[in-house]
N, C-alpha and C. Protein backbone atom coordinates (compact mmCIF):
# COMPACT_ATOMS: atom_id res chain seq x y z
N SER A 1 -9.71 -16.96 -9.28
CA SER A 1 -11.21 -17.61 -10.21
C SER A 1 -11.32 -15.96 -10.97
N THR A 2 -11.89 -16.49 -11.87
CA THR A 2 -12.30 -15.54 -13.39
C THR A 2 -12.38 -13.98 -12.90
N GLU A 3 -13.47 -13.92 -12.07
CA GLU A 3 -14.05 -12.72 -11.12
C GLU A 3 -12.72 -12.12 -10.74
N ILE A 4 -11.89 -12.57 -10.20
CA ILE A 4 -10.62 -11.70 -9.35
C ILE A 4 -10.33 -10.97 -10.75
N ILE A 5 -9.58 -12.41 -11.46
CA ILE A 5 -8.43 -11.78 -12.68
C ILE A 5 -9.62 -10.26 -13.39
N ARG A 6 -10.87 -10.28 -13.13
CA ARG A 6 -11.66 -9.24 -14.21
C ARG A 6 -11.47 -7.72 -13.23
N ARG A 7 -11.15 -8.41 -11.89
CA ARG A 7 -11.87 -7.10 -11.15
C ARG A 7 -10.34 -6.20 -10.94
N ALA A 8 -9.29 -7.35 -10.96
CA ALA A 8 -8.06 -6.93 -11.00
C ALA A 8 -7.32 -6.17 -12.31
N THR A 9 -7.87 -6.84 -13.58
CA THR A 9 -7.93 -6.08 -14.75
C THR A 9 -8.39 -4.67 -15.11
N ALA A 10 -9.71 -4.43 -14.49
CA ALA A 10 -10.16 -3.52 -14.47
C ALA A 10 -9.33 -2.11 -13.65
N ILE A 11 -8.82 -2.32 -12.99
CA ILE A 11 -8.08 -1.76 -12.36
C ILE A 11 -6.46 -1.45 -12.76
N PHE A 12 -5.75 -2.50 -12.78
CA PHE A 12 -4.43 -2.54 -13.06
C PHE A 12 -4.12 -2.62 -14.57
N ALA A 13 -4.79 -2.66 -15.58
CA ALA A 13 -4.36 -2.94 -16.86
C ALA A 13 -4.09 -1.37 -17.42
N PRO A 14 -3.38 -1.54 -18.65
CA PRO A 14 -2.60 -0.43 -19.39
C PRO A 14 -3.97 0.41 -19.87
N GLU A 15 -3.95 2.11 -19.91
CA GLU A 15 -5.15 2.44 -20.80
C GLU A 15 -6.14 1.69 -21.79
N PRO A 16 -5.09 1.14 -22.59
CA PRO A 16 -5.78 0.99 -24.19
C PRO A 16 -6.28 -0.52 -24.02
N PHE A 17 -5.92 -1.34 -22.84
CA PHE A 17 -6.41 -2.57 -23.12
C PHE A 17 -7.88 -2.56 -22.14
N ALA A 18 -8.58 -2.66 -22.86
CA ALA A 18 -10.09 -2.73 -22.80
C ALA A 18 -10.82 -3.93 -22.19
N MET A 19 -11.74 -3.68 -21.28
CA MET A 19 -12.72 -4.63 -20.59
C MET A 19 -12.66 -6.13 -21.38
N HIS A 20 -13.68 -5.75 -22.74
CA HIS A 20 -14.03 -6.71 -23.46
C HIS A 20 -12.07 -7.54 -24.14
N GLU A 21 -11.46 -6.81 -24.43
CA GLU A 21 -10.09 -7.84 -24.45
C GLU A 21 -9.96 -8.60 -23.44
N ALA A 22 -10.08 -8.42 -21.89
CA ALA A 22 -9.72 -9.02 -20.97
C ALA A 22 -10.69 -10.29 -21.08
N GLU A 23 -11.93 -9.91 -21.25
CA GLU A 23 -12.99 -10.79 -21.54
C GLU A 23 -12.74 -12.42 -22.77
N GLU A 24 -12.11 -11.63 -24.05
CA GLU A 24 -11.78 -12.51 -24.39
C GLU A 24 -10.90 -12.99 -24.59
N LEU A 25 -9.60 -12.76 -23.54
CA LEU A 25 -8.50 -13.40 -23.16
C LEU A 25 -9.59 -14.63 -22.28
N ILE A 26 -10.18 -14.12 -21.91
CA ILE A 26 -10.57 -15.23 -20.57
C ILE A 26 -11.05 -16.75 -21.16
N ALA A 27 -12.05 -16.11 -22.00
CA ALA A 27 -13.33 -17.07 -22.72
C ALA A 27 -11.80 -17.99 -23.55
N HIS A 28 -10.93 -17.47 -24.29
CA HIS A 28 -10.29 -18.36 -25.15
C HIS A 28 -8.87 -18.75 -24.23
N ASP A 29 -9.20 -18.81 -22.89
CA ASP A 29 -7.96 -19.55 -21.73
C ASP A 29 -6.63 -19.01 -22.15
N ARG A 30 -6.38 -18.06 -22.16
CA ARG A 30 -4.96 -17.34 -22.22
C ARG A 30 -5.18 -16.29 -20.97
N LEU A 31 -4.95 -16.76 -19.97
CA LEU A 31 -4.87 -16.29 -19.08
C LEU A 31 -3.19 -15.34 -18.36
N ALA A 32 -2.44 -16.15 -19.27
CA ALA A 32 -0.62 -15.61 -18.72
C ALA A 32 -0.75 -14.49 -19.84
N ASP A 33 -1.62 -14.39 -21.00
CA ASP A 33 -1.74 -13.07 -21.78
C ASP A 33 -2.27 -12.00 -20.92
N LEU A 34 -2.99 -11.99 -20.08
CA LEU A 34 -3.75 -10.99 -19.24
C LEU A 34 -3.36 -10.92 -18.29
N LEU A 35 -2.85 -11.84 -17.78
CA LEU A 35 -1.85 -11.51 -16.52
C LEU A 35 -0.70 -10.95 -16.95
N GLU A 36 -0.12 -10.87 -17.63
CA GLU A 36 1.17 -10.10 -18.25
C GLU A 36 0.77 -8.84 -18.33
N SER A 37 -0.36 -8.53 -18.76
CA SER A 37 -0.81 -7.38 -19.45
C SER A 37 -0.94 -6.09 -18.11
N ILE A 38 -1.94 -7.36 -16.89
CA ILE A 38 -1.95 -6.72 -15.15
C ILE A 38 -0.82 -6.31 -14.96
N VAL A 39 0.16 -6.92 -14.74
CA VAL A 39 1.82 -6.87 -13.96
C VAL A 39 2.38 -6.02 -14.58
N ALA A 40 2.23 -5.03 -16.05
CA ALA A 40 2.91 -4.63 -16.40
C ALA A 40 2.80 -3.09 -15.96
N ARG A 41 2.28 -2.89 -14.69
CA ARG A 41 2.37 -1.47 -14.09
C ARG A 41 2.80 -1.85 -12.07
N PHE A 42 4.10 -0.27 -12.54
CA PHE A 42 4.60 -0.72 -11.34
C PHE A 42 4.69 0.84 -10.57
N LYS A 43 4.99 1.01 -9.67
CA LYS A 43 4.94 2.25 -8.63
C LYS A 43 6.41 2.38 -8.49
N VAL A 44 6.71 3.96 -8.59
CA VAL A 44 7.95 4.40 -8.05
C VAL A 44 7.95 5.85 -7.46
N GLY A 45 8.37 5.48 -5.96
CA GLY A 45 8.36 7.26 -5.35
C GLY A 45 9.67 7.82 -5.39
N THR A 46 9.57 8.88 -5.43
CA THR A 46 10.94 9.76 -5.86
C THR A 46 11.17 10.49 -5.01
N ALA A 47 12.49 10.58 -4.67
CA ALA A 47 13.09 11.87 -3.87
C ALA A 47 12.51 13.41 -3.85
N ASP A 48 11.63 13.30 -5.26
CA ASP A 48 11.11 14.59 -5.29
C ASP A 48 10.02 14.95 -5.22
N ALA A 49 10.00 14.18 -4.11
CA ALA A 49 8.43 14.01 -3.64
C ALA A 49 7.10 13.64 -4.98
N ASP A 50 7.23 13.16 -5.69
CA ASP A 50 6.45 12.69 -6.87
C ASP A 50 6.45 11.55 -6.86
N VAL A 51 5.09 10.95 -7.11
CA VAL A 51 5.08 8.93 -7.39
C VAL A 51 4.60 9.10 -8.60
N GLN A 52 5.28 8.10 -9.58
CA GLN A 52 5.03 7.71 -10.55
C GLN A 52 4.35 6.36 -10.53
N LEU A 53 3.89 6.28 -11.85
CA LEU A 53 3.08 4.73 -12.41
C LEU A 53 3.81 4.66 -13.74
N TRP A 54 4.01 3.45 -14.09
CA TRP A 54 4.95 3.13 -15.06
C TRP A 54 4.08 1.89 -15.66
N ASP A 55 4.29 2.08 -16.80
CA ASP A 55 3.81 0.66 -17.79
C ASP A 55 4.94 -0.27 -18.35
N VAL A 56 5.25 -0.80 -17.80
CA VAL A 56 6.37 -1.61 -17.67
C VAL A 56 6.84 -2.32 -19.04
N ALA A 57 6.00 -2.72 -20.15
CA ALA A 57 5.48 -3.30 -21.37
C ALA A 57 6.41 -2.12 -22.29
N ALA A 58 5.81 -1.32 -22.33
CA ALA A 58 5.33 -0.23 -23.15
C ALA A 58 6.72 1.18 -22.69
N THR A 59 7.66 0.44 -21.48
CA THR A 59 8.27 1.50 -20.68
C THR A 59 8.11 2.49 -21.07
N LYS A 60 6.83 3.02 -20.83
CA LYS A 60 6.26 4.57 -20.39
C LYS A 60 5.71 4.61 -19.17
N GLN A 61 5.81 5.92 -18.74
CA GLN A 61 5.13 6.80 -17.59
C GLN A 61 3.95 6.90 -17.84
N VAL A 62 2.79 6.40 -17.09
CA VAL A 62 1.80 6.66 -17.36
C VAL A 62 0.93 7.84 -16.66
N ARG A 63 1.45 8.28 -15.70
CA ARG A 63 1.08 9.12 -14.25
C ARG A 63 1.90 9.42 -13.36
N VAL A 64 2.13 10.66 -12.82
CA VAL A 64 2.77 11.49 -11.81
C VAL A 64 1.51 11.76 -11.22
N MET A 65 1.70 11.49 -9.67
CA MET A 65 1.08 12.03 -8.93
C MET A 65 1.65 12.72 -7.73
N ASP A 66 1.36 13.99 -7.27
CA ASP A 66 2.18 14.81 -6.09
C ASP A 66 1.35 14.81 -4.46
N GLY A 67 1.60 15.72 -3.95
CA GLY A 67 0.86 15.78 -2.63
C GLY A 67 1.61 15.78 -1.43
N HIS A 68 2.74 14.92 -1.50
CA HIS A 68 3.94 14.98 -0.33
C HIS A 68 4.83 16.56 -0.73
N GLU A 69 5.69 16.43 0.51
CA GLU A 69 6.54 17.77 0.27
C GLU A 69 8.07 17.23 0.52
N ALA A 70 8.36 15.98 1.07
CA ALA A 70 9.82 15.28 0.92
C ALA A 70 9.83 14.30 0.00
N ARG A 71 10.80 13.32 0.37
CA ARG A 71 10.88 12.19 -0.25
C ARG A 71 9.70 11.18 -0.24
N VAL A 72 9.05 10.55 -1.06
CA VAL A 72 8.03 9.29 -1.17
C VAL A 72 9.09 7.76 -0.81
N SER A 73 8.93 7.39 0.87
CA SER A 73 9.52 6.11 1.12
C SER A 73 8.58 5.37 1.31
N SER A 74 7.49 4.96 1.07
CA SER A 74 6.87 3.50 1.61
C SER A 74 5.89 3.45 0.46
N MET A 75 5.50 2.27 -0.18
CA MET A 75 3.91 2.71 -0.79
C MET A 75 3.08 1.29 -0.70
N SER A 76 1.56 1.17 -0.67
CA SER A 76 0.88 -0.11 -0.66
C SER A 76 -0.40 0.31 -1.20
N TRP A 77 -0.51 -0.80 -2.16
CA TRP A 77 -2.02 -0.66 -2.86
C TRP A 77 -2.77 -1.25 -1.98
N ASN A 78 -4.31 -0.86 -1.99
CA ASN A 78 -5.45 -1.35 -1.55
C ASN A 78 -6.52 -1.04 -2.41
N GLY A 79 -6.45 -1.88 -3.52
CA GLY A 79 -7.16 -1.91 -4.77
C GLY A 79 -7.17 -1.09 -5.50
N PRO A 80 -7.70 0.04 -5.99
CA PRO A 80 -7.48 1.02 -7.21
C PRO A 80 -6.76 2.02 -5.84
N VAL A 81 -6.60 2.58 -5.12
CA VAL A 81 -5.96 3.30 -4.13
C VAL A 81 -4.25 2.90 -3.66
N LEU A 82 -3.53 3.68 -4.24
CA LEU A 82 -2.38 3.60 -4.02
C LEU A 82 -1.84 4.46 -2.60
N THR A 83 -1.52 3.88 -1.38
CA THR A 83 -1.07 4.35 -0.46
C THR A 83 0.40 4.74 -0.30
N THR A 84 0.67 6.16 0.06
CA THR A 84 2.18 6.28 0.26
C THR A 84 2.45 7.33 1.35
N GLY A 85 3.15 6.85 1.61
CA GLY A 85 4.13 7.64 3.03
C GLY A 85 5.87 8.16 2.85
N SER A 86 5.94 9.91 3.56
CA SER A 86 7.12 10.33 3.15
C SER A 86 7.41 10.60 4.59
N LYS A 87 8.96 10.96 3.89
CA LYS A 87 9.89 11.70 5.06
C LYS A 87 9.28 13.24 5.44
N ASP A 88 8.05 13.70 4.79
CA ASP A 88 7.13 14.83 5.54
C ASP A 88 5.76 14.11 6.59
N GLU A 89 6.35 12.83 6.78
CA GLU A 89 5.75 12.60 8.24
C GLU A 89 4.08 12.20 7.96
N SER A 90 3.79 12.34 6.36
CA SER A 90 2.27 12.49 6.06
C SER A 90 2.21 10.85 5.18
N ILE A 91 0.82 10.11 5.45
CA ILE A 91 0.31 9.48 4.52
C ILE A 91 -0.90 9.97 3.58
N ILE A 92 -0.35 9.64 2.32
CA ILE A 92 -1.72 10.00 1.36
C ILE A 92 -2.32 9.02 0.51
N ASN A 93 -3.48 8.64 0.64
CA ASN A 93 -4.05 7.79 -0.05
C ASN A 93 -4.49 8.41 -1.61
N HIS A 94 -4.20 7.87 -2.40
CA HIS A 94 -4.18 8.35 -4.07
C HIS A 94 -5.47 7.17 -4.68
N ASP A 95 -6.51 7.54 -5.51
CA ASP A 95 -7.22 6.84 -5.89
C ASP A 95 -6.42 7.03 -7.54
N VAL A 96 -5.89 6.10 -8.01
CA VAL A 96 -5.58 6.21 -9.43
C VAL A 96 -6.48 6.47 -10.66
N ARG A 97 -7.65 5.97 -10.28
CA ARG A 97 -8.45 6.02 -11.61
C ARG A 97 -9.09 7.39 -11.60
N ILE A 98 -8.96 8.35 -11.08
CA ILE A 98 -9.31 9.83 -11.16
C ILE A 98 -8.27 10.75 -10.88
N GLU A 99 -9.06 12.11 -11.56
CA GLU A 99 -8.04 12.97 -12.04
C GLU A 99 -7.17 13.47 -10.56
N ASN A 100 -8.17 13.68 -9.70
CA ASN A 100 -8.05 14.62 -8.69
C ASN A 100 -7.82 13.36 -7.65
N HIS A 101 -6.65 12.60 -7.63
CA HIS A 101 -6.25 11.86 -6.94
C HIS A 101 -6.07 11.43 -5.45
N ASN A 102 -6.13 12.85 -5.05
CA ASN A 102 -5.52 12.54 -3.52
C ASN A 102 -7.11 12.71 -2.59
N ILE A 103 -7.27 11.39 -2.19
CA ILE A 103 -9.02 11.49 -1.74
C ILE A 103 -8.76 11.31 -0.05
N SER A 104 -7.80 11.61 0.51
CA SER A 104 -7.02 11.75 1.94
C SER A 104 -6.02 12.09 2.04
N THR A 105 -5.58 12.53 3.42
CA THR A 105 -4.19 12.62 4.05
C THR A 105 -4.10 12.53 5.39
N TRP A 106 -3.53 11.31 5.96
CA TRP A 106 -3.67 11.07 7.22
C TRP A 106 -2.31 11.58 7.73
N SER A 107 -2.40 11.95 9.41
CA SER A 107 -1.04 12.21 10.06
C SER A 107 -1.15 11.96 11.27
N GLY A 108 -0.19 10.78 11.40
CA GLY A 108 -0.02 10.30 13.00
C GLY A 108 1.88 10.03 13.21
N HIS A 109 2.19 9.83 12.55
CA HIS A 109 4.02 10.05 12.47
C HIS A 109 4.70 11.47 13.06
N THR A 110 5.47 11.44 13.67
CA THR A 110 6.43 12.24 14.05
C THR A 110 7.57 12.67 13.28
N GLN A 111 8.22 11.26 12.50
CA GLN A 111 8.67 11.27 12.03
C GLN A 111 8.71 10.24 10.49
N GLU A 112 10.12 10.18 10.11
CA GLU A 112 9.51 9.19 7.97
C GLU A 112 8.18 7.94 8.11
N VAL A 113 7.65 8.21 7.50
CA VAL A 113 6.46 6.98 7.36
C VAL A 113 7.30 5.91 6.42
N CYS A 114 8.45 5.11 6.71
CA CYS A 114 9.35 4.17 5.86
C CYS A 114 8.28 2.68 5.80
N GLY A 115 7.13 2.39 6.34
CA GLY A 115 7.05 1.28 5.98
C GLY A 115 5.01 1.42 5.89
N LEU A 116 4.73 1.11 5.17
CA LEU A 116 2.80 0.52 5.07
C LEU A 116 2.67 -0.56 4.50
N LYS A 117 1.60 -1.21 5.18
CA LYS A 117 1.03 -2.44 4.30
C LYS A 117 -0.07 -2.21 4.78
N TRP A 118 -1.50 -2.88 4.09
CA TRP A 118 -2.79 -2.94 3.97
C TRP A 118 -3.10 -4.44 4.31
N SER A 119 -4.15 -4.65 5.11
CA SER A 119 -4.23 -5.45 5.56
C SER A 119 -5.14 -6.45 4.20
N PRO A 120 -5.25 -7.88 4.20
CA PRO A 120 -5.62 -8.61 2.95
C PRO A 120 -7.13 -7.95 2.34
N ASP A 121 -7.83 -7.81 3.37
CA ASP A 121 -9.40 -7.68 3.42
C ASP A 121 -9.39 -5.97 3.00
N GLY A 122 -8.46 -4.98 3.30
CA GLY A 122 -8.15 -3.68 2.85
C GLY A 122 -8.95 -3.17 3.82
N THR A 123 -9.18 -3.46 5.02
CA THR A 123 -9.90 -2.38 5.83
C THR A 123 -8.87 -1.73 7.02
N GLN A 124 -7.64 -2.13 7.22
CA GLN A 124 -6.75 -1.97 7.98
C GLN A 124 -5.48 -1.46 6.99
N LEU A 125 -5.01 -0.46 7.85
CA LEU A 125 -3.20 0.31 7.20
C LEU A 125 -2.52 -0.15 8.57
N ALA A 126 -1.40 -0.74 8.31
CA ALA A 126 -0.43 -0.44 9.20
C ALA A 126 0.86 0.74 8.71
N SER A 127 1.42 1.54 9.40
CA SER A 127 2.38 2.38 8.99
C SER A 127 3.05 2.70 10.19
N GLY A 128 4.57 2.14 9.70
CA GLY A 128 5.58 2.36 10.60
C GLY A 128 6.59 3.18 10.12
N GLY A 129 7.25 3.83 11.52
CA GLY A 129 7.78 5.08 11.07
C GLY A 129 9.19 5.24 11.73
N ASN A 130 9.88 6.20 11.21
CA ASN A 130 11.45 6.24 12.11
C ASN A 130 11.71 7.02 13.26
N GLY A 131 10.52 7.08 13.88
CA GLY A 131 10.30 7.29 15.02
C GLY A 131 9.73 6.48 16.31
N ASN A 132 9.97 5.12 15.34
CA ASN A 132 9.73 3.79 16.35
C ASN A 132 8.33 3.39 16.49
N LEU A 133 7.51 4.15 15.81
CA LEU A 133 6.15 4.14 15.56
C LEU A 133 5.24 2.67 15.17
N LEU A 134 4.54 2.38 15.31
CA LEU A 134 3.29 1.61 14.39
C LEU A 134 1.97 1.85 15.01
N ASN A 135 1.85 2.41 13.61
CA ASN A 135 0.28 2.76 13.62
C ASN A 135 -0.81 2.14 12.53
N ILE A 136 -1.82 1.65 13.59
CA ILE A 136 -2.90 1.10 12.94
C ILE A 136 -3.73 1.92 12.26
N TRP A 137 -4.54 1.51 11.40
CA TRP A 137 -5.76 3.00 10.85
C TRP A 137 -6.65 1.65 10.34
N ASP A 138 -7.71 1.96 10.38
CA ASP A 138 -8.91 1.71 10.17
C ASP A 138 -9.20 2.77 9.12
N ILE A 139 -9.71 2.23 8.31
CA ILE A 139 -10.13 2.56 6.80
C ILE A 139 -11.80 3.28 6.91
N ASN A 140 -12.47 2.97 8.06
CA ASN A 140 -13.70 3.84 8.36
C ASN A 140 -13.71 4.37 8.99
N GLN A 141 -12.44 5.19 9.88
CA GLN A 141 -11.99 6.18 11.01
C GLN A 141 -11.32 7.10 10.45
N GLY A 142 -11.22 7.33 9.08
CA GLY A 142 -10.67 8.12 8.68
C GLY A 142 -9.30 8.55 9.04
N GLY A 143 -8.81 9.69 9.48
CA GLY A 143 -7.07 10.13 9.29
C GLY A 143 -6.88 10.33 10.87
N THR A 144 -7.38 9.55 11.93
CA THR A 144 -6.64 8.98 13.18
C THR A 144 -6.45 7.66 13.49
N PRO A 145 -5.12 7.33 13.88
CA PRO A 145 -4.96 6.27 13.76
C PRO A 145 -5.91 5.50 15.22
N ARG A 146 -6.02 3.99 14.82
CA ARG A 146 -6.99 3.87 16.09
C ARG A 146 -6.09 2.97 16.81
N TYR A 147 -5.12 2.86 16.36
CA TYR A 147 -3.78 2.30 17.47
C TYR A 147 -2.74 2.78 16.91
N THR A 148 -2.13 3.67 18.43
CA THR A 148 -0.33 4.14 18.11
C THR A 148 0.10 3.48 19.34
N LEU A 149 1.47 2.56 18.92
CA LEU A 149 2.15 1.37 19.22
C LEU A 149 3.66 1.88 19.54
N ASP A 150 3.99 1.47 20.38
CA ASP A 150 5.22 2.38 20.79
C ASP A 150 6.29 1.19 21.23
N HIS A 151 6.24 -0.32 21.04
CA HIS A 151 7.21 -1.36 21.32
C HIS A 151 7.91 -1.53 20.99
N HIS A 152 8.69 -1.17 19.69
CA HIS A 152 9.95 -1.26 19.22
C HIS A 152 10.41 0.07 19.10
N THR A 153 12.19 -0.20 19.09
CA THR A 153 13.14 0.44 19.83
C THR A 153 14.24 1.42 18.36
N ALA A 154 13.53 0.72 17.61
CA ALA A 154 14.31 1.49 16.27
C ALA A 154 12.93 1.40 14.59
N ALA A 155 13.46 2.31 13.39
CA ALA A 155 12.32 2.34 12.80
C ALA A 155 11.34 0.85 12.99
N VAL A 156 10.28 1.14 12.78
CA VAL A 156 9.57 -0.04 11.73
C VAL A 156 9.12 0.08 10.38
N LYS A 157 10.15 -1.08 9.35
CA LYS A 157 9.94 -0.56 8.00
C LYS A 157 9.46 -2.07 7.55
N ALA A 158 9.53 -3.18 8.41
CA ALA A 158 8.72 -4.70 8.15
C ALA A 158 7.71 -4.82 8.32
N MET A 159 6.89 -5.44 7.80
CA MET A 159 5.46 -5.66 8.26
C MET A 159 4.72 -6.52 7.50
N ALA A 160 3.74 -8.00 7.85
CA ALA A 160 3.39 -8.36 7.21
C ALA A 160 2.01 -8.47 7.87
N TRP A 161 0.82 -8.75 7.26
CA TRP A 161 -0.37 -9.50 8.06
C TRP A 161 -0.51 -10.72 7.44
N CYS A 162 -1.05 -11.35 8.37
CA CYS A 162 -1.28 -13.05 8.09
C CYS A 162 -2.36 -13.20 7.07
N PRO A 163 -2.02 -14.15 6.27
CA PRO A 163 -3.34 -14.37 5.31
C PRO A 163 -4.28 -15.48 5.66
N TRP A 164 -4.32 -15.99 6.66
CA TRP A 164 -5.25 -16.60 6.74
C TRP A 164 -6.06 -16.21 8.60
N GLN A 165 -5.22 -15.73 9.14
CA GLN A 165 -5.78 -15.37 10.20
C GLN A 165 -6.32 -13.58 10.46
N GLN A 166 -7.08 -12.91 10.24
CA GLN A 166 -7.12 -11.56 10.52
C GLN A 166 -7.32 -11.08 11.78
N ASN A 167 -6.98 -9.96 11.71
CA ASN A 167 -6.48 -9.03 13.01
C ASN A 167 -4.49 -9.80 13.36
N LEU A 168 -4.10 -9.97 12.25
CA LEU A 168 -3.04 -10.35 12.93
C LEU A 168 -1.53 -9.94 12.12
N LEU A 169 -0.67 -9.01 13.03
CA LEU A 169 0.28 -8.09 11.69
C LEU A 169 1.32 -8.49 12.71
N ALA A 170 2.63 -9.35 11.93
CA ALA A 170 3.95 -9.31 12.15
C ALA A 170 4.76 -8.15 11.61
N THR A 171 5.68 -7.16 12.91
CA THR A 171 6.28 -5.93 12.28
C THR A 171 7.83 -6.22 13.10
N GLY A 172 8.87 -5.55 12.03
CA GLY A 172 10.06 -5.90 12.28
C GLY A 172 10.99 -4.29 12.90
N GLY A 173 11.50 -4.40 14.06
CA GLY A 173 12.06 -3.07 14.21
C GLY A 173 13.22 -3.34 13.74
N GLY A 174 13.94 -2.15 13.64
CA GLY A 174 15.41 -1.84 12.81
C GLY A 174 16.28 -2.56 13.85
N THR A 175 17.73 -2.25 13.37
CA THR A 175 18.85 -3.11 13.96
C THR A 175 18.77 -2.72 15.53
N ALA A 176 18.51 -1.29 15.95
CA ALA A 176 18.83 -1.54 17.14
C ALA A 176 17.30 -2.08 18.11
N ASP A 177 16.69 -2.85 17.44
CA ASP A 177 15.52 -3.56 18.21
C ASP A 177 15.31 -4.68 18.22
N ARG A 178 16.07 -5.13 16.81
CA ARG A 178 16.26 -6.74 16.71
C ARG A 178 15.10 -7.35 17.23
N HIS A 179 13.60 -7.17 17.32
CA HIS A 179 12.21 -7.77 17.33
C HIS A 179 11.56 -8.06 16.09
N ILE A 180 10.63 -8.98 16.15
CA ILE A 180 9.52 -9.15 15.54
C ILE A 180 8.89 -9.43 16.50
N ARG A 181 7.68 -8.58 16.09
CA ARG A 181 6.61 -8.43 17.15
C ARG A 181 5.14 -9.08 16.58
N PHE A 182 4.57 -9.60 17.24
CA PHE A 182 2.65 -9.98 16.77
C PHE A 182 2.01 -9.36 17.13
N TRP A 183 0.67 -9.07 16.64
CA TRP A 183 -0.08 -7.72 16.96
C TRP A 183 -1.44 -8.37 17.13
N ASN A 184 -2.16 -8.00 17.86
CA ASN A 184 -3.99 -8.38 17.29
C ASN A 184 -4.27 -7.06 17.42
N THR A 185 -4.54 -6.72 15.99
CA THR A 185 -5.14 -5.56 15.52
C THR A 185 -5.96 -4.93 15.72
N ALA A 186 -7.11 -5.94 16.50
CA ALA A 186 -8.79 -5.81 16.91
C ALA A 186 -7.94 -5.06 18.24
N THR A 187 -7.20 -5.57 18.72
CA THR A 187 -6.97 -5.06 20.59
C THR A 187 -6.11 -4.18 20.87
N GLY A 188 -5.06 -4.05 19.68
CA GLY A 188 -3.69 -3.21 20.14
C GLY A 188 -2.70 -3.98 20.88
N ALA A 189 -3.07 -5.19 21.07
CA ALA A 189 -2.37 -5.94 21.79
C ALA A 189 -1.17 -6.85 21.46
N CYS A 190 0.39 -6.39 22.04
CA CYS A 190 1.19 -6.78 21.52
C CYS A 190 1.18 -8.58 21.95
N THR A 191 1.28 -9.78 21.22
CA THR A 191 0.65 -10.86 21.55
C THR A 191 2.18 -12.24 21.64
N ASN A 192 3.49 -11.07 21.16
CA ASN A 192 4.74 -11.93 21.19
C ASN A 192 5.91 -11.21 20.47
N ALA A 193 6.61 -11.56 21.12
CA ALA A 193 8.01 -10.85 20.67
C ALA A 193 9.02 -11.86 20.62
C-alpha cells in the first residue's frame, strides 16, 4: 500500500531524498523509482566491531556505528532500529535516525551471537548463538530473554518467522544438530523437530 511505502521511505531513503519527493513519485505512479531509492541502502558488520550503513546508488558510506567489542556477525532490521549481534556475546539495538544510536544492549548468550531475526510484527526477536542457545526476546521486556531454549546441539544461525501465523518460529541448528525445530514463542514450547 502507499502508506507502507511512505513509511519505508521515511526510514530508509537516502538523506538528501525528501518526503515531498516521495509523495511526488507516488502521485505520478513512479513507484519503481521510489523503491529503487529505498532499497539503495545496506548494512555491513565488520571484523573491527563496527556497523556500516551504505548508500548503494551513490557507492558511499552513510554512517558507522560502534558499540561492540568484537566482530559483528548478525543483523536484523526492526523499522528504524538495526539490531546487531557480535562475537562479544552482546546484542545492540541501534536507532539509525539519531546520533546516540545505541538505545539498548541485551545480554543472554555465552558465545557469539550468530543469528538474529525480528518477528514480522516487530515485537519479538529471535537470537541464536554458537553456544547452541536460542533466545526469544520480547520488545516490552527489556534486556532479559523471555525464553532461553537449549534443544539444539549446534550453533543456531538459521531462523525464520512464519509470515501468516503469529508466534511461530523455525530454527535450524548446525551440522552436528541436523534439525529444524518449530517453536511456539508465546509459550516457549518446541512444537516439532
